[in-house]
Amino acid sequence: MTVGQDLHAYSLDETKMWAKKKKLSPGRVRGTKDGIQFVAEGGSDKVEEVEWNFFESALKRKKLAVYGTKEGWMRIMRKRS
């Protein structure tokens, strides 16, 4: 089975759970209004940590969702129709 066959949209609660398990935080790409991604513990020069409410509103504004598998693989992608 390939990863693509098992993808489903995570709820925000599922996203938070997997992020916590993986020691990831929501982040915004520096120099962008709402370019979002996850940032690893310890931070990054290119990504600043943001609050979950900012992350959620950026997902909605940009029509994105966090997709993943039951094993916890995650990716931010454009919402599927």
PDB file of N, CA and C in Angstrom:
ATOM      1  N   MET A   1       0.846  -1.185   0.000  1.00  0.00           N
ATOM      2  CA  MET A   1       0.000   0.000   0.000  1.00  0.00           C
ATOM      3  C   MET A   1       0.887   1.242   0.000  1.00  0.00           C
ATOM      4  N   THR A   2       0.544   2.218  -0.826  1.00  0.00           N
ATOM      5  CA  THR A   2       1.291   3.468  -0.825  1.00  0.00           C
ATOM      6  C   THR A   2       0.638   4.430   0.151  1.00  0.00           C
ATOM      7  N   VAL A   3       1.413   5.431   0.560  1.00  0.00           N
ATOM      8  CA  VAL A   3       0.896   6.410   1.522  1.00  0.00           C
ATOM      9  C   VAL A   3      -0.343   7.089   0.978  1.00  0.00           C
ATOM     10  N   GLY A   4      -0.380   7.414  -0.309  1.00  0.00           N
ATOM     11  CA  GLY A   4      -1.495   8.135  -0.903  1.00  0.00           C
ATOM     12  C   GLY A   4      -2.830   7.421  -0.782  1.00  0.00           C
ATOM     13  N   GLN A   5      -2.824   6.101  -0.682  1.00  0.00           N
ATOM     14  CA  GLN A   5      -4.074   5.360  -0.599  1.00  0.00           C
ATOM     15  C   GLN A   5      -4.721   5.467   0.778  1.00  0.00           C
ATOM     16  N   ASP A   6      -3.968   5.829   1.770  1.00  0.00           N
ATOM     17  CA  ASP A   6      -4.454   5.840   3.138  1.00  0.00           C
ATOM     18  C   ASP A   6      -4.700   7.255   3.667  1.00  0.00           C
ATOM     19  N   LEU A   7      -4.562   8.279   2.841  1.00  0.00           N
ATOM     20  CA  LEU A   7      -4.689   9.658   3.303  1.00  0.00           C
ATOM     21  C   LEU A   7      -6.122  10.029   3.639  1.00  0.00           C
ATOM     22  N   HIS A   8      -6.260  10.764   4.735  1.00  0.00           N
ATOM     23  CA  HIS A   8      -7.545  11.376   5.054  1.00  0.00           C
ATOM     24  C   HIS A   8      -7.268  12.711   5.718  1.00  0.00           C
ATOM     25  N   ALA A   9      -8.251  13.597   5.679  1.00  0.00           N
ATOM     26  CA  ALA A   9      -8.093  14.912   6.307  1.00  0.00           C
ATOM     27  C   ALA A   9      -8.163  14.751   7.818  1.00  0.00           C
ATOM     28  N   TYR A  10      -7.157  15.254   8.502  1.00  0.00           N
ATOM     29  CA  TYR A  10      -7.161  15.241   9.961  1.00  0.00           C
ATOM     30  C   TYR A  10      -8.008  16.390  10.486  1.00  0.00           C
ATOM     31  N   SER A  11      -8.690  16.164  11.568  1.00  0.00           N
ATOM     32  CA  SER A  11      -9.353  17.255  12.284  1.00  0.00           C
ATOM     33  C   SER A  11      -8.253  18.056  12.988  1.00  0.00           C
ATOM     34  N   LEU A  12      -8.586  19.221  13.491  1.00  0.00           N
ATOM     35  CA  LEU A  12      -7.591  20.016  14.206  1.00  0.00           C
ATOM     36  C   LEU A  12      -7.123  19.277  15.454  1.00  0.00           C
ATOM     37  N   ASP A  13      -8.034  18.575  16.125  1.00  0.00           N
ATOM     38  CA  ASP A  13      -7.641  17.810  17.319  1.00  0.00           C
ATOM     39  C   ASP A  13      -6.660  16.696  16.967  1.00  0.00           C
ATOM     40  N   GLU A  14      -6.909  15.984  15.845  1.00  0.00           N
ATOM     41  CA  GLU A  14      -5.975  14.938  15.411  1.00  0.00           C
ATOM     42  C   GLU A  14      -4.618  15.546  15.045  1.00  0.00           C
ATOM     43  N   THR A  15      -4.658  16.695  14.369  1.00  0.00           N
ATOM     44  CA  THR A  15      -3.422  17.376  13.984  1.00  0.00           C
ATOM     45  C   THR A  15      -2.616  17.743  15.215  1.00  0.00           C
ATOM     46  N   LYS A  16      -3.283  18.299  16.216  1.00  0.00           N
ATOM     47  CA  LYS A  16      -2.588  18.673  17.452  1.00  0.00           C
ATOM     48  C   LYS A  16      -1.994  17.456  18.148  1.00  0.00           C
ATOM     49  N   MET A  17      -2.745  16.353  18.179  1.00  0.00           N
ATOM     50  CA  MET A  17      -2.269  15.138  18.820  1.00  0.00           C
ATOM     51  C   MET A  17      -0.994  14.634  18.150  1.00  0.00           C
ATOM     52  N   TRP A  18      -1.023  14.515  16.809  1.00  0.00           N
ATOM     53  CA  TRP A  18       0.150  14.009  16.098  1.00  0.00           C
ATOM     54  C   TRP A  18       1.327  14.982  16.190  1.00  0.00           C
ATOM     55  N   ALA A  19       1.037  16.272  16.125  1.00  0.00           N
ATOM     56  CA  ALA A  19       2.113  17.265  16.250  1.00  0.00           C
ATOM     57  C   ALA A  19       2.786  17.136  17.616  1.00  0.00           C
ATOM     58  N   LYS A  20       1.976  16.983  18.656  1.00  0.00           N
ATOM     59  CA  LYS A  20       2.541  16.840  20.006  1.00  0.00           C
ATOM     60  C   LYS A  20       3.413  15.586  20.090  1.00  0.00           C
ATOM     61  N   LYS A  21       2.922  14.464  19.554  1.00  0.00           N
ATOM     62  CA  LYS A  21       3.688  13.218  19.582  1.00  0.00           C
ATOM     63  C   LYS A  21       5.015  13.357  18.842  1.00  0.00           C
ATOM     64  N   LYS A  22       5.006  14.151  17.773  1.00  0.00           N
ATOM     65  CA  LYS A  22       6.201  14.311  16.954  1.00  0.00           C
ATOM     66  C   LYS A  22       7.055  15.513  17.384  1.00  0.00           C
ATOM     67  N   LYS A  23       6.622  16.176  18.458  1.00  0.00           N
ATOM     68  CA  LYS A  23       7.313  17.365  18.971  1.00  0.00           C
ATOM     69  C   LYS A  23       7.407  18.460  17.912  1.00  0.00           C
ATOM     70  N   LEU A  24       6.265  18.686  17.256  1.00  0.00           N
ATOM     71  CA  LEU A  24       6.140  19.741  16.256  1.00  0.00           C
ATOM     72  C   LEU A  24       5.190  20.811  16.762  1.00  0.00           C
ATOM     73  N   SER A  25       5.399  22.025  16.288  1.00  0.00           N
ATOM     74  CA  SER A  25       4.513  23.139  16.616  1.00  0.00           C
ATOM     75  C   SER A  25       4.038  23.769  15.317  1.00  0.00           C
ATOM     76  N   PRO A  26       2.906  24.487  15.379  1.00  0.00           N
ATOM     77  CA  PRO A  26       2.463  25.197  14.185  1.00  0.00           C
ATOM     78  C   PRO A  26       3.409  26.365  13.931  1.00  0.00           C
ATOM     79  N   GLY A  27       3.657  26.654  12.668  1.00  0.00           N
ATOM     80  CA  GLY A  27       4.580  27.737  12.358  1.00  0.00           C
ATOM     81  C   GLY A  27       4.169  28.519  11.132  1.00  0.00           C
ATOM     82  N   ARG A  28       4.753  29.716  11.035  1.00  0.00           N
ATOM     83  CA  ARG A  28       4.563  30.583   9.874  1.00  0.00           C
ATOM     84  C   ARG A  28       5.934  30.827   9.267  1.00  0.00           C
ATOM     85  N   VAL A  29       6.007  30.704   7.955  1.00  0.00           N
ATOM     86  CA  VAL A  29       7.259  30.960   7.256  1.00  0.00           C
ATOM     87  C   VAL A  29       7.556  32.446   7.389  1.00  0.00           C
ATOM     88  N   ARG A  30       8.739  32.770   7.891  1.00  0.00           N
ATOM     89  CA  ARG A  30       9.117  34.180   8.089  1.00  0.00           C
ATOM     90  C   ARG A  30       9.052  34.939   6.770  1.00  0.00           C
ATOM     91  N   GLY A  31       8.557  36.168   6.841  1.00  0.00           N
ATOM     92  CA  GLY A  31       8.451  37.007   5.650  1.00  0.00           C
ATOM     93  C   GLY A  31       7.184  36.778   4.844  1.00  0.00           C
ATOM     94  N   THR A  32       6.298  35.906   5.335  1.00  0.00           N
ATOM     95  CA  THR A  32       5.022  35.676   4.646  1.00  0.00           C
ATOM     96  C   THR A  32       3.881  36.061   5.572  1.00  0.00           C
ATOM     97  N   LYS A  33       2.735  36.342   4.974  1.00  0.00           N
ATOM     98  CA  LYS A  33       1.558  36.683   5.775  1.00  0.00           C
ATOM     99  C   LYS A  33       0.998  35.438   6.450  1.00  0.00           C
ATOM    100  N   ASP A  34       0.848  34.379   5.677  1.00  0.00           N
ATOM    101  CA  ASP A  34       0.264  33.172   6.261  1.00  0.00           C
ATOM    102  C   ASP A  34       0.772  31.887   5.611  1.00  0.00           C
ATOM    103  N   GLY A  35       2.033  31.879   5.214  1.00  0.00           N
ATOM    104  CA  GLY A  35       2.658  30.644   4.751  1.00  0.00           C
ATOM    105  C   GLY A  35       2.900  29.768   5.966  1.00  0.00           C
ATOM    106  N   ILE A  36       2.229  28.660   6.056  1.00  0.00           N
ATOM    107  CA  ILE A  36       2.286  27.852   7.274  1.00  0.00           C
ATOM    108  C   ILE A  36       2.955  26.508   7.026  1.00  0.00           C
ATOM    109  N   GLN A  37       3.545  26.011   8.074  1.00  0.00           N
ATOM    110  CA  GLN A  37       4.105  24.664   8.093  1.00  0.00           C
ATOM    111  C   GLN A  37       4.366  24.302   9.542  1.00  0.00           C
ATOM    112  N   PHE A  38       4.793  23.076   9.769  1.00  0.00           N
ATOM    113  CA  PHE A  38       5.132  22.652  11.117  1.00  0.00           C
ATOM    114  C   PHE A  38       6.599  22.955  11.359  1.00  0.00           C
ATOM    115  N   VAL A  39       6.921  23.244  12.608  1.00  0.00           N
ATOM    116  CA  VAL A  39       8.302  23.517  12.978  1.00  0.00           C
ATOM    117  C   VAL A  39       8.699  22.558  14.096  1.00  0.00           C
ATOM    118  N   ALA A  40       9.891  22.014  13.975  1.00  0.00           N
ATOM    119  CA  ALA A  40      10.389  21.059  14.965  1.00  0.00           C
ATOM    120  C   ALA A  40      10.788  21.775  16.246  1.00  0.00           C
ATOM    121  N   GLU A  41      10.808  21.008  17.326  1.00  0.00           N
ATOM    122  CA  GLU A  41      11.237  21.528  18.616  1.00  0.00           C
ATOM    123  C   GLU A  41      12.621  22.151  18.449  1.00  0.00           C
ATOM    124  N   GLY A  42      12.816  23.326  19.004  1.00  0.00           N
ATOM    125  CA  GLY A  42      14.090  24.018  18.862  1.00  0.00           C
ATOM    126  C   GLY A  42      14.028  25.132  17.838  1.00  0.00           C
ATOM    127  N   GLY A  43      12.985  25.108  17.005  1.00  0.00           N
ATOM    128  CA  GLY A  43      12.752  26.193  16.077  1.00  0.00           C
ATOM    129  C   GLY A  43      13.561  26.113  14.798  1.00  0.00           C
ATOM    130  N   SER A  44      13.434  27.173  14.023  1.00  0.00           N
ATOM    131  CA  SER A  44      14.068  27.265  12.718  1.00  0.00           C
ATOM    132  C   SER A  44      14.292  28.736  12.408  1.00  0.00           C
ATOM    133  N   ASP A  45      15.338  29.032  11.642  1.00  0.00           N
ATOM    134  CA  ASP A  45      15.571  30.412  11.221  1.00  0.00           C
ATOM    135  C   ASP A  45      14.522  30.869  10.217  1.00  0.00           C
ATOM    136  N   LYS A  46      13.917  29.921   9.508  1.00  0.00           N
ATOM    137  CA  LYS A  46      12.976  30.257   8.441  1.00  0.00           C
ATOM    138  C   LYS A  46      11.517  30.200   8.868  1.00  0.00           C
ATOM    139  N   VAL A  47      11.233  29.587  10.017  1.00  0.00           N
ATOM    140  CA  VAL A  47       9.847  29.418  10.465  1.00  0.00           C
ATOM    141  C   VAL A  47       9.730  29.854  11.914  1.00  0.00           C
ATOM    142  N   GLU A  48       8.713  30.679  12.190  1.00  0.00           N
ATOM    143  CA  GLU A  48       8.464  31.103  13.561  1.00  0.00           C
ATOM    144  C   GLU A  48       7.241  30.385  14.105  1.00  0.00           C
ATOM    145  N   GLU A  49       7.288  30.022  15.367  1.00  0.00           N
ATOM    146  CA  GLU A  49       6.137  29.367  16.001  1.00  0.00           C
ATOM    147  C   GLU A  49       4.972  30.331  16.086  1.00  0.00           C
ATOM    148  N   VAL A  50       3.761  29.805  15.882  1.00  0.00           N
ATOM    149  CA  VAL A  50       2.540  30.602  16.005  1.00  0.00           C
ATOM    150  C   VAL A  50       1.549  29.820  16.863  1.00  0.00           C
ATOM    151  N   GLU A  51       0.496  30.471  17.256  1.00  0.00           N
ATOM    152  CA  GLU A  51      -0.564  29.834  18.029  1.00  0.00           C
ATOM    153  C   GLU A  51      -1.416  28.963  17.106  1.00  0.00           C
ATOM    154  N   TRP A  52      -2.057  27.973  17.684  1.00  0.00           N
ATOM    155  CA  TRP A  52      -2.913  27.082  16.905  1.00  0.00           C
ATOM    156  C   TRP A  52      -4.058  27.830  16.249  1.00  0.00           C
ATOM    157  N   ASN A  53      -4.595  28.865  16.897  1.00  0.00           N
ATOM    158  CA  ASN A  53      -5.727  29.588  16.298  1.00  0.00           C
ATOM    159  C   ASN A  53      -5.292  30.306  15.014  1.00  0.00           C
ATOM    160  N   PHE A  54      -4.062  30.833  14.970  1.00  0.00           N
ATOM    161  CA  PHE A  54      -3.543  31.448  13.747  1.00  0.00           C
ATOM    162  C   PHE A  54      -3.387  30.380  12.661  1.00  0.00           C
ATOM    163  N   PHE A  55      -2.836  29.239  13.031  1.00  0.00           N
ATOM    164  CA  PHE A  55      -2.621  28.129  12.103  1.00  0.00           C
ATOM    165  C   PHE A  55      -3.941  27.680  11.489  1.00  0.00           C
ATOM    166  N   GLU A  56      -4.955  27.515  12.350  1.00  0.00           N
ATOM    167  CA  GLU A  56      -6.274  27.080  11.878  1.00  0.00           C
ATOM    168  C   GLU A  56      -6.898  28.110  10.934  1.00  0.00           C
ATOM    169  N   SER A  57      -6.801  29.389  11.268  1.00  0.00           N
ATOM    170  CA  SER A  57      -7.403  30.406  10.394  1.00  0.00           C
ATOM    171  C   SER A  57      -6.643  30.502   9.076  1.00  0.00           C
ATOM    172  N   ALA A  58      -5.327  30.291   9.080  1.00  0.00           N
ATOM    173  CA  ALA A  58      -4.559  30.292   7.829  1.00  0.00           C
ATOM    174  C   ALA A  58      -4.968  29.108   6.958  1.00  0.00           C
ATOM    175  N   LEU A  59      -5.197  27.952   7.570  1.00  0.00           N
ATOM    176  CA  LEU A  59      -5.675  26.800   6.805  1.00  0.00           C
ATOM    177  C   LEU A  59      -6.989  27.145   6.098  1.00  0.00           C
ATOM    178  N   LYS A  60      -7.902  27.759   6.827  1.00  0.00           N
ATOM    179  CA  LYS A  60      -9.213  28.099   6.264  1.00  0.00           C
ATOM    180  C   LYS A  60      -9.089  29.136   5.152  1.00  0.00           C
ATOM    181  N   ARG A  61      -8.304  30.204   5.407  1.00  0.00           N
ATOM    182  CA  ARG A  61      -8.136  31.267   4.404  1.00  0.00           C
ATOM    183  C   ARG A  61      -7.553  30.733   3.104  1.00  0.00           C
ATOM    184  N   LYS A  62      -6.609  29.829   3.219  1.00  0.00           N
ATOM    185  CA  LYS A  62      -5.912  29.325   2.039  1.00  0.00           C
ATOM    186  C   LYS A  62      -6.533  28.045   1.466  1.00  0.00           C
ATOM    187  N   LYS A  63      -7.667  27.633   2.071  1.00  0.00           N
ATOM    188  CA  LYS A  63      -8.370  26.403   1.644  1.00  0.00           C
ATOM    189  C   LYS A  63      -7.434  25.198   1.678  1.00  0.00           C
ATOM    190  N   LEU A  64      -6.741  25.062   2.812  1.00  0.00           N
ATOM    191  CA  LEU A  64      -5.821  23.948   3.042  1.00  0.00           C
ATOM    192  C   LEU A  64      -6.356  23.045   4.134  1.00  0.00           C
ATOM    193  N   ALA A  65      -5.801  21.871   4.213  1.00  0.00           N
ATOM    194  CA  ALA A  65      -6.115  20.932   5.288  1.00  0.00           C
ATOM    195  C   ALA A  65      -4.859  20.127   5.581  1.00  0.00           C
ATOM    196  N   VAL A  66      -4.816  19.555   6.758  1.00  0.00           N
ATOM    197  CA  VAL A  66      -3.730  18.647   7.109  1.00  0.00           C
ATOM    198  C   VAL A  66      -4.226  17.241   6.804  1.00  0.00           C
ATOM    199  N   TYR A  67      -3.522  16.568   5.921  1.00  0.00           N
ATOM    200  CA  TYR A  67      -3.850  15.195   5.563  1.00  0.00           C
ATOM    201  C   TYR A  67      -2.817  14.277   6.184  1.00  0.00           C
ATOM    202  N   GLY A  68      -3.252  13.089   6.487  1.00  0.00           N
ATOM    203  CA  GLY A  68      -2.316  12.155   7.077  1.00  0.00           C
ATOM    204  C   GLY A  68      -2.811  10.736   7.024  1.00  0.00           C
ATOM    205  N   THR A  69      -2.024   9.870   7.647  1.00  0.00           N
ATOM    206  CA  THR A  69      -2.345   8.448   7.706  1.00  0.00           C
ATOM    207  C   THR A  69      -2.573   8.050   9.149  1.00  0.00           C
ATOM    208  N   LYS A  70      -3.063   6.850   9.335  1.00  0.00           N
ATOM    209  CA  LYS A  70      -3.299   6.366  10.695  1.00  0.00           C
ATOM    210  C   LYS A  70      -1.996   6.171  11.452  1.00  0.00           C
ATOM    211  N   GLU A  71      -0.870   6.147  10.734  1.00  0.00           N
ATOM    212  CA  GLU A  71       0.436   6.010  11.381  1.00  0.00           C
ATOM    213  C   GLU A  71       1.024   7.354  11.798  1.00  0.00           C
ATOM    214  N   GLY A  72       0.377   8.469  11.406  1.00  0.00           N
ATOM    215  CA  GLY A  72       0.834   9.777  11.842  1.00  0.00           C
ATOM    216  C   GLY A  72       1.608  10.582  10.831  1.00  0.00           C
ATOM    217  N   TRP A  73       1.723  10.092   9.596  1.00  0.00           N
ATOM    218  CA  TRP A  73       2.359  10.882   8.552  1.00  0.00           C
ATOM    219  C   TRP A  73       1.455  12.069   8.262  1.00  0.00           C
ATOM    220  N   MET A  74       2.003  13.290   8.160  1.00  0.00           N
ATOM    221  CA  MET A  74       1.179  14.482   7.966  1.00  0.00           C
ATOM    222  C   MET A  74       1.730  15.339   6.839  1.00  0.00           C
ATOM    223  N   ARG A  75       0.806  15.995   6.147  1.00  0.00           N
ATOM    224  CA  ARG A  75       1.192  16.941   5.107  1.00  0.00           C
ATOM    225  C   ARG A  75       0.081  17.975   4.959  1.00  0.00           C
ATOM    226  N   ILE A  76       0.473  19.236   4.813  1.00  0.00           N
ATOM    227  CA  ILE A  76      -0.489  20.315   4.572  1.00  0.00           C
ATOM    228  C   ILE A  76      -0.690  20.387   3.059  1.00  0.00           C
ATOM    229  N   MET A  77      -1.967  20.279   2.647  1.00  0.00           N
ATOM    230  CA  MET A  77      -2.278  20.253   1.228  1.00  0.00           C
ATOM    231  C   MET A  77      -3.574  21.019   0.953  1.00  0.00           C
ATOM    232  N   ARG A  78      -3.763  21.380  -0.314  1.00  0.00           N
ATOM    233  CA  ARG A  78      -5.020  22.009  -0.712  1.00  0.00           C
ATOM    234  C   ARG A  78      -6.147  21.020  -0.445  1.00  0.00           C
ATOM    235  N   LYS A  79      -7.286  21.527   0.066  1.00  0.00           N
ATOM    236  CA  LYS A  79      -8.431  20.660   0.372  1.00  0.00           C
ATOM    237  C   LYS A  79      -8.909  19.949  -0.882  1.00  0.00           C
ATOM    238  N   ARG A  80      -9.225  18.683  -0.700  1.00  0.00           N
ATOM    239  CA  ARG A  80      -9.797  17.906  -1.797  1.00  0.00           C
ATOM    240  C   ARG A  80     -11.279  18.214  -1.898  1.00  0.00           C
ATOM    241  N   SER A  81     -11.786  18.144  -3.085  1.00  0.00           N
ATOM    242  CA  SER A  81     -13.222  18.425  -3.300  1.00  0.00           C
ATOM    243  C   SER A  81     -14.074  17.307  -2.774  1.00  0.00           C
TER     244      SER A  81
END
